[in-house]
N, C-alpha and C. Protein backbone atom coordinates (compact mmCIF):
# COMPACT_ATOMS: atom_id res chain seq x y z
N MET A 1 -9.00 -15.81 -14.39
CA MET A 1 -10.42 -16.08 -14.29
C MET A 1 -10.93 -15.54 -12.94
N PRO A 2 -12.04 -14.80 -12.95
CA PRO A 2 -12.57 -14.24 -11.71
C PRO A 2 -12.99 -15.34 -10.74
N PRO A 3 -12.90 -15.06 -9.45
CA PRO A 3 -13.34 -16.04 -8.46
C PRO A 3 -14.82 -16.34 -8.61
N ASN A 4 -15.19 -17.56 -8.32
CA ASN A 4 -16.58 -17.97 -8.37
C ASN A 4 -17.04 -18.26 -6.94
N PHE A 5 -17.91 -17.43 -6.40
CA PHE A 5 -18.33 -17.58 -5.02
C PHE A 5 -19.84 -17.79 -4.97
N GLU A 6 -20.25 -18.65 -4.03
CA GLU A 6 -21.67 -18.94 -3.88
C GLU A 6 -22.41 -17.89 -3.08
N ASN A 7 -21.73 -17.28 -2.14
CA ASN A 7 -22.40 -16.26 -1.34
C ASN A 7 -21.40 -15.21 -0.87
N LEU A 8 -21.94 -14.14 -0.36
CA LEU A 8 -21.11 -13.01 0.04
C LEU A 8 -20.13 -13.38 1.15
N GLU A 9 -20.54 -14.21 2.08
CA GLU A 9 -19.66 -14.56 3.19
C GLU A 9 -18.40 -15.28 2.71
N ASN A 10 -18.55 -16.21 1.78
CA ASN A 10 -17.38 -16.90 1.21
C ASN A 10 -16.51 -15.92 0.43
N MET A 11 -17.15 -15.05 -0.33
CA MET A 11 -16.42 -14.07 -1.10
C MET A 11 -15.65 -13.13 -0.17
N LYS A 12 -16.30 -12.68 0.89
CA LYS A 12 -15.66 -11.79 1.85
C LYS A 12 -14.44 -12.47 2.47
N GLU A 13 -14.58 -13.72 2.86
CA GLU A 13 -13.47 -14.45 3.48
C GLU A 13 -12.28 -14.56 2.52
N GLU A 14 -12.53 -14.90 1.28
CA GLU A 14 -11.46 -15.02 0.29
C GLU A 14 -10.82 -13.65 0.01
N PHE A 15 -11.65 -12.64 -0.09
CA PHE A 15 -11.19 -11.28 -0.33
C PHE A 15 -10.27 -10.82 0.80
N LEU A 16 -10.67 -11.07 2.03
CA LEU A 16 -9.86 -10.68 3.18
C LEU A 16 -8.53 -11.41 3.21
N LYS A 17 -8.51 -12.65 2.74
CA LYS A 17 -7.24 -13.40 2.64
C LYS A 17 -6.30 -12.71 1.66
N HIS A 18 -6.85 -12.26 0.52
CA HIS A 18 -6.03 -11.54 -0.45
C HIS A 18 -5.48 -10.25 0.14
N LEU A 19 -6.33 -9.50 0.82
CA LEU A 19 -5.88 -8.25 1.41
C LEU A 19 -4.80 -8.48 2.46
N LYS A 20 -4.96 -9.51 3.27
CA LYS A 20 -3.96 -9.84 4.29
C LYS A 20 -2.63 -10.20 3.62
N TRP A 21 -2.69 -10.94 2.53
CA TRP A 21 -1.47 -11.30 1.81
C TRP A 21 -0.74 -10.04 1.34
N PHE A 22 -1.47 -9.08 0.79
CA PHE A 22 -0.84 -7.85 0.32
C PHE A 22 -0.20 -7.08 1.46
N GLU A 23 -0.89 -6.99 2.59
CA GLU A 23 -0.31 -6.29 3.74
C GLU A 23 0.97 -7.00 4.19
N GLU A 24 0.94 -8.31 4.21
CA GLU A 24 2.12 -9.08 4.62
C GLU A 24 3.28 -8.89 3.63
N GLU A 25 2.96 -8.80 2.35
CA GLU A 25 4.00 -8.57 1.34
C GLU A 25 4.70 -7.23 1.57
N PHE A 26 3.94 -6.22 1.90
CA PHE A 26 4.54 -4.93 2.21
C PHE A 26 5.46 -5.05 3.42
N ASP A 27 5.00 -5.74 4.45
CA ASP A 27 5.82 -5.89 5.65
C ASP A 27 7.10 -6.67 5.36
N VAL A 28 6.99 -7.76 4.62
CA VAL A 28 8.15 -8.58 4.30
C VAL A 28 9.17 -7.78 3.50
N ASN A 29 8.70 -7.00 2.56
CA ASN A 29 9.60 -6.29 1.66
C ASN A 29 10.13 -4.97 2.22
N PHE A 30 9.38 -4.33 3.10
CA PHE A 30 9.76 -2.97 3.48
C PHE A 30 9.91 -2.72 4.97
N GLN A 31 9.32 -3.52 5.81
CA GLN A 31 9.40 -3.27 7.24
C GLN A 31 10.80 -3.53 7.75
N GLY A 32 11.27 -2.66 8.57
CA GLY A 32 12.56 -2.86 9.20
C GLY A 32 13.75 -2.42 8.37
N LYS A 33 13.51 -1.90 7.18
CA LYS A 33 14.64 -1.38 6.40
C LYS A 33 15.15 -0.14 7.11
N THR A 34 16.46 -0.09 7.26
CA THR A 34 17.03 1.04 7.98
C THR A 34 17.62 2.08 7.05
N HIS A 35 17.65 1.79 5.77
CA HIS A 35 18.21 2.74 4.82
C HIS A 35 17.09 3.43 4.04
N GLU A 36 17.48 4.39 3.26
CA GLU A 36 16.51 5.08 2.41
C GLU A 36 15.94 4.09 1.39
N TYR A 37 14.68 4.28 1.05
CA TYR A 37 14.08 3.41 0.05
C TYR A 37 14.57 3.79 -1.33
N SER A 38 14.90 2.79 -2.10
CA SER A 38 15.42 3.01 -3.45
C SER A 38 14.27 3.16 -4.44
N GLU A 39 14.63 3.53 -5.65
CA GLU A 39 13.63 3.63 -6.71
C GLU A 39 13.04 2.24 -6.98
N GLU A 40 13.86 1.20 -6.84
CA GLU A 40 13.37 -0.18 -7.01
C GLU A 40 12.33 -0.52 -5.94
N ASP A 41 12.57 -0.09 -4.71
CA ASP A 41 11.59 -0.30 -3.63
C ASP A 41 10.27 0.38 -3.98
N ARG A 42 10.37 1.59 -4.48
CA ARG A 42 9.16 2.34 -4.85
C ARG A 42 8.42 1.65 -6.01
N ARG A 43 9.15 1.14 -6.97
CA ARG A 43 8.53 0.41 -8.08
C ARG A 43 7.82 -0.85 -7.58
N LEU A 44 8.48 -1.58 -6.68
CA LEU A 44 7.88 -2.79 -6.11
C LEU A 44 6.59 -2.45 -5.37
N ALA A 45 6.61 -1.38 -4.58
CA ALA A 45 5.41 -0.98 -3.85
C ALA A 45 4.28 -0.65 -4.81
N LYS A 46 4.58 0.08 -5.87
CA LYS A 46 3.55 0.43 -6.85
C LYS A 46 3.04 -0.81 -7.58
N THR A 47 3.93 -1.77 -7.84
CA THR A 47 3.52 -3.01 -8.49
C THR A 47 2.58 -3.80 -7.58
N LEU A 48 2.90 -3.86 -6.30
CA LEU A 48 2.01 -4.55 -5.36
C LEU A 48 0.64 -3.91 -5.31
N ILE A 49 0.60 -2.58 -5.26
CA ILE A 49 -0.68 -1.88 -5.24
C ILE A 49 -1.45 -2.15 -6.54
N ALA A 50 -0.77 -2.12 -7.67
CA ALA A 50 -1.43 -2.39 -8.96
C ALA A 50 -1.98 -3.80 -8.99
N ARG A 51 -1.21 -4.75 -8.51
CA ARG A 51 -1.67 -6.15 -8.49
C ARG A 51 -2.85 -6.30 -7.55
N MET A 52 -2.80 -5.61 -6.45
CA MET A 52 -3.91 -5.62 -5.50
C MET A 52 -5.18 -5.13 -6.18
N SER A 53 -5.07 -4.07 -6.94
CA SER A 53 -6.23 -3.53 -7.66
C SER A 53 -6.77 -4.52 -8.68
N GLU A 54 -5.89 -5.21 -9.37
CA GLU A 54 -6.32 -6.19 -10.37
C GLU A 54 -7.12 -7.31 -9.72
N ILE A 55 -6.62 -7.84 -8.63
CA ILE A 55 -7.32 -8.94 -7.96
C ILE A 55 -8.65 -8.47 -7.40
N ILE A 56 -8.64 -7.29 -6.83
CA ILE A 56 -9.86 -6.76 -6.25
C ILE A 56 -10.93 -6.55 -7.32
N ASN A 57 -10.52 -6.12 -8.50
CA ASN A 57 -11.47 -5.93 -9.59
C ASN A 57 -12.15 -7.23 -9.99
N ASP A 58 -11.49 -8.36 -9.76
CA ASP A 58 -12.10 -9.66 -10.07
C ASP A 58 -13.35 -9.91 -9.24
N TYR A 59 -13.44 -9.33 -8.07
CA TYR A 59 -14.56 -9.60 -7.18
C TYR A 59 -15.83 -8.87 -7.59
N LYS A 60 -15.68 -7.69 -8.16
CA LYS A 60 -16.81 -6.91 -8.67
C LYS A 60 -18.00 -6.84 -7.70
N ASP A 61 -17.72 -6.55 -6.46
CA ASP A 61 -18.77 -6.43 -5.46
C ASP A 61 -18.50 -5.22 -4.60
N GLU A 62 -19.33 -4.22 -4.71
CA GLU A 62 -19.14 -2.95 -4.00
C GLU A 62 -19.13 -3.12 -2.49
N ARG A 63 -19.79 -4.16 -1.99
CA ARG A 63 -19.87 -4.35 -0.54
C ARG A 63 -18.50 -4.65 0.07
N LEU A 64 -17.54 -5.02 -0.75
CA LEU A 64 -16.21 -5.35 -0.25
C LEU A 64 -15.26 -4.14 -0.28
N LEU A 65 -15.72 -3.05 -0.85
CA LEU A 65 -14.85 -1.87 -0.96
C LEU A 65 -14.42 -1.33 0.40
N PHE A 66 -15.25 -1.44 1.41
CA PHE A 66 -14.90 -0.99 2.75
C PHE A 66 -13.60 -1.65 3.20
N TYR A 67 -13.49 -2.96 2.98
CA TYR A 67 -12.31 -3.70 3.41
C TYR A 67 -11.08 -3.29 2.61
N LEU A 68 -11.28 -3.02 1.34
CA LEU A 68 -10.20 -2.55 0.49
C LEU A 68 -9.67 -1.20 1.00
N VAL A 69 -10.56 -0.27 1.23
CA VAL A 69 -10.18 1.06 1.70
C VAL A 69 -9.47 0.95 3.05
N LYS A 70 -9.97 0.12 3.92
CA LYS A 70 -9.37 -0.07 5.23
C LYS A 70 -7.93 -0.60 5.09
N ALA A 71 -7.73 -1.59 4.23
CA ALA A 71 -6.40 -2.17 4.02
C ALA A 71 -5.46 -1.15 3.38
N LEU A 72 -5.95 -0.41 2.40
CA LEU A 72 -5.11 0.60 1.75
C LEU A 72 -4.69 1.69 2.73
N HIS A 73 -5.60 2.12 3.59
CA HIS A 73 -5.26 3.14 4.59
C HIS A 73 -4.20 2.61 5.56
N LYS A 74 -4.34 1.37 5.94
CA LYS A 74 -3.37 0.77 6.86
C LYS A 74 -1.98 0.72 6.22
N ILE A 75 -1.92 0.30 4.97
CA ILE A 75 -0.65 0.25 4.24
C ILE A 75 -0.08 1.65 4.08
N GLU A 76 -0.94 2.58 3.71
CA GLU A 76 -0.48 3.95 3.49
C GLU A 76 0.05 4.59 4.78
N ARG A 77 -0.58 4.30 5.90
CA ARG A 77 -0.10 4.84 7.19
C ARG A 77 1.29 4.29 7.52
N LYS A 78 1.48 3.01 7.29
CA LYS A 78 2.76 2.38 7.62
C LYS A 78 3.88 2.77 6.66
N TYR A 79 3.52 3.00 5.38
CA TYR A 79 4.52 3.19 4.35
C TYR A 79 4.29 4.45 3.53
N SER A 80 3.77 5.49 4.16
CA SER A 80 3.45 6.72 3.43
C SER A 80 4.68 7.31 2.74
N PHE A 81 5.83 7.27 3.38
CA PHE A 81 7.06 7.80 2.82
C PHE A 81 7.52 7.01 1.60
N LEU A 82 7.05 5.80 1.45
CA LEU A 82 7.42 4.95 0.32
C LEU A 82 6.46 5.15 -0.85
N LEU A 83 5.21 5.41 -0.55
CA LEU A 83 4.18 5.46 -1.59
C LEU A 83 4.00 6.85 -2.19
N HIS A 84 4.58 7.87 -1.58
CA HIS A 84 4.38 9.23 -2.10
C HIS A 84 5.60 9.74 -2.79
């Protein structure tokens, strides 16, 4: 069920919490690994990105896209070798 928010500020706050969770999930799962990333690691990364997209679609507010793009760029910079 999509989130029900009374105003943009509440929606923005909840949205940012979701984005922070996704960034933290990437760090927990991939940061500090000293070996080559496996195909399973790559699948997990793609699953996280897909799930991120699903949750973000629930918000249906274009004004929040800036924060999404910012979070995705941050993740991509840190884990570009994993996502490509």
